[in-house]
Amino acid sequence: MKKLKIKKDDLVIVLSGVSKGKQGKVIKIMPNSNRAIVEGVNMVTKHAKPNAENPQGGIVKKEASINISNLMIVDPKSGSPTRVGRRINKETGKLERYSKKSGEVIK
């Protein structure tokens, strides 16, 4: 399995597709299928049967998954899309993700 640059709770921007230009927080990552679910992006309508949490049933809007290649992390400093690098922190000795654009550490 390939190492992914995007993780849960990252702020990302959509590069292509119907939701191009929208920003959102990553809710879930699916590494086996290379997809992610992003808050407020790629909304679809589903017909739901009545159940305990939705006793009325009806049409429900929810987020559908989007391919990770169409997402890019937002730079914490400038707010624009950036590539992600990985380096070892000299003080702690742990691996950290950083923005290639500004050099700022990502979360």
Protein backbone atom coordinates (compact mmCIF):
# COMPACT_ATOMS: atom_id res chain seq x y z
CA MET A 1 0.00 0.00 0.00
CA LYS A 2 1.27 3.45 -0.97
CA LYS A 3 2.00 6.09 1.72
CA LEU A 4 -0.60 8.85 1.48
CA LYS A 5 0.20 12.54 1.99
CA ILE A 6 -3.32 13.36 3.20
CA LYS A 7 -4.63 12.37 6.63
CA LYS A 8 -7.89 12.65 8.54
CA ASP A 9 -8.71 16.21 9.79
CA ASP A 10 -6.45 17.88 7.17
CA LEU A 11 -7.79 20.98 5.42
CA VAL A 12 -7.77 20.27 1.67
CA ILE A 13 -8.80 21.97 -1.57
CA VAL A 14 -10.35 20.18 -4.57
CA LEU A 15 -8.30 20.52 -7.77
CA SER A 16 -10.72 19.09 -10.35
CA GLY A 17 -14.24 17.84 -10.86
CA VAL A 18 -17.66 19.28 -10.06
CA SER A 19 -16.51 20.58 -6.65
CA LYS A 20 -13.35 22.28 -8.03
CA GLY A 21 -12.06 25.07 -5.78
CA LYS A 22 -14.00 24.03 -2.67
CA GLN A 23 -12.20 23.61 0.65
CA GLY A 24 -13.08 21.19 3.39
CA LYS A 25 -11.87 19.02 6.23
CA VAL A 26 -11.10 15.34 5.53
CA ILE A 27 -13.62 13.15 7.38
CA LYS A 28 -12.39 9.72 6.31
CA ILE A 29 -9.51 8.22 4.30
CA MET A 30 -9.84 4.96 2.34
CA PRO A 31 -6.23 3.97 1.48
CA ASN A 32 -7.17 0.71 -0.29
CA SER A 33 -9.24 2.53 -2.90
CA ASN A 34 -7.17 5.79 -2.86
CA ARG A 35 -10.22 7.85 -1.93
CA ALA A 36 -11.26 10.33 0.77
CA ILE A 37 -14.49 11.83 2.07
CA VAL A 38 -14.29 15.61 2.49
CA GLU A 39 -16.76 17.72 4.47
CA GLY A 40 -19.15 19.66 2.19
CA VAL A 41 -17.53 18.42 -1.05
CA ASN A 42 -18.95 16.08 -3.73
CA MET A 43 -22.47 16.14 -2.26
CA VAL A 44 -24.90 13.49 -3.54
CA THR A 45 -28.59 12.86 -2.82
CA LYS A 46 -29.58 9.49 -1.37
CA HIS A 47 -33.06 8.08 -0.90
CA ALA A 48 -33.25 6.85 2.69
CA LYS A 49 -35.74 4.39 4.14
CA PRO A 50 -37.30 5.32 7.47
CA ASN A 51 -35.14 4.17 10.40
CA ALA A 52 -34.45 5.02 14.05
CA GLU A 53 -32.36 8.14 13.37
CA ASN A 54 -34.49 9.31 10.43
CA PRO A 55 -38.09 8.20 11.17
CA GLN A 56 -39.51 10.15 8.23
CA GLY A 57 -37.11 8.78 5.57
CA GLY A 58 -36.91 10.73 2.32
CA ILE A 59 -34.09 12.37 0.39
CA VAL A 60 -30.81 12.92 2.26
CA LYS A 61 -27.77 14.91 1.06
CA LYS A 62 -24.39 13.45 2.03
CA GLU A 63 -20.74 13.53 0.99
CA ALA A 64 -19.46 10.97 -1.51
CA SER A 65 -15.83 9.89 -1.76
CA ILE A 66 -13.39 11.68 -4.05
CA ASN A 67 -10.08 10.45 -5.46
CA ILE A 68 -7.03 11.58 -3.48
CA SER A 69 -5.29 12.72 -6.68
CA ASN A 70 -7.93 15.48 -6.93
CA LEU A 71 -7.09 16.87 -3.46
CA MET A 72 -4.25 19.07 -2.24
CA ILE A 73 -3.45 20.19 1.31
CA VAL A 74 -3.96 23.88 2.12
CA ASP A 75 -0.82 25.69 3.31
CA PRO A 76 -1.26 26.73 6.98
CA LYS A 77 0.56 30.05 6.40
CA SER A 78 -0.78 31.37 3.07
CA GLY A 79 -4.02 29.42 2.66
CA SER A 80 -3.12 28.28 -0.86
CA PRO A 81 -2.63 24.67 -2.07
CA THR A 82 0.79 23.18 -1.41
CA ARG A 83 2.75 19.98 -1.87
CA VAL A 84 3.67 17.97 1.22
CA GLY A 85 7.16 16.89 2.25
CA ARG A 86 8.35 14.70 5.11
CA ARG A 87 11.44 15.33 7.21
CA ILE A 88 12.86 14.31 10.57
CA ASN A 89 12.54 16.94 13.29
CA LYS A 90 16.04 17.68 14.66
CA GLU A 91 14.83 18.29 18.23
CA THR A 92 12.46 15.36 18.71
CA GLY A 93 13.82 12.96 16.08
CA LYS A 94 10.28 12.25 14.83
CA LEU A 95 9.02 12.37 11.26
CA GLU A 96 6.90 15.44 10.46
CA ARG A 97 4.96 16.67 7.44
CA TYR A 98 5.72 20.15 6.15
CA SER A 99 4.51 22.51 3.44
CA LYS A 100 6.85 22.68 0.44
CA LYS A 101 5.61 26.23 -0.28
CA SER A 102 6.30 27.88 3.09
CA GLY A 103 8.30 25.27 5.03
CA GLU A 104 5.68 25.41 7.80
CA VAL A 105 4.95 22.18 9.73
CA ILE A 106 1.52 20.72 8.95
CA LYS A 107 -0.29 19.93 12.23
